[in-house]
Amino acid sequence: MKVLIIEPIKQVATMARFLDTVTFGLKSYPTLIVIDGLDEVNGNDVQCDIIRIIGDAMRDVRLPLRFLIASRPEAHICLAISKLRSQFPDDRVSVIDLNQDVLVHRDIRHYFTIKFGEIRSMHPYLPADWPSLDVIAYLLDRASGQFVFATTVIAYFSSPDDRPDDRLKVILKVLETPVGDAPYSTLDQLYTHIVHSVPVKHRAEVMKILGQLIVIRDLTEQHDILGVLSKSSRIEQILGLREGDVKRLLRTLYSVIDVGDDLKLLHASFPDFLLDPSRSMNLFVDVTESRMMLGLAYIRAICNPPGR
């Protein structure tokens, strides 16, 4: 930070008047530094150090720069950002949650429009209105704000050796996936990496929690005899865990689960991955087993009502 950024900027600053004269006020140094994929840097401590070092530099030196850090919301990164925000006024550090950003859905729709146009130009037999607006709306819903989903399926449709309309039917589950095809390979690698971030000793418990979150999707009521469906305390009761265990066990899965007061799967494509053994392999969630655990919890609650 000192050698590559601070010292060069200081040198430029000493020449500010000269530069203003020869460039008519236009600065020759960058105003934005983008750090993409911070969570992919090896080592959680290193990731947090990068955030801390940037904060120290911006606090101690008046730099004419802004830093844009893109990352999955891993627990340690969220904590490091929170510490950074506490050191500055509210307007100095801001956080954008792409899961809540409506512009992301607009951008993904635009991406689909452009890419499907390119695919149609490569395959003239495709109708001008292929795919339909309903299909694009379905794909947007499955993307859940994830560009990686959009780029993954577009890459699958773009194979020059196969018909895009047939491959779209595979994604829509109208046709069976051909042997040897892996429509979601990039997405599957990402989800596998995320779940494998859970320590092995806790992974079995985490998979049971994920099973309950998937079961919750199919329940129409907001609560039952065990409590509010999305509360972590309810899942702890079902699985025989202690208070606080669910949030502790899910701390490495913030990028796919909203671990707030109410638990929520963030991406529609994540449970699709977990429920397909050909994609998730040893991370497959048997929802039948999850429902049995829920049923046993109902029986225990009926036989041992509160206050009995």
Foldseek 3Di string as FASTA:
>chain_A
DVVPAVVVQVVVVVCVVVCCVVVVHDDPDDAEDEAEALVPPPDLVVSLVVLVVVLVCVVPDVGSHDYHYHYQPFLSNVVSLVVSCVVDPVVRRDDDDLLPDPVLLVVLLVVCVVLVVVQCVLPVVDDPCPPPPVLSVVQSQQCSSPVLSSVLQSVQLNDPVDHSVVSSCCVVVVDPDDPPDDSNQVVLVVLLVLLPVQPPVCSVVLLLVVLLQVVLVPDPDQADLLGGSFAPVSSCLLVVHDPPPNCVRCSSVVSQWVPDRGIHGRGNVNVVQQCDCVRNPVSHRDNVVSVVSVVVSVVVCVVPPPPD
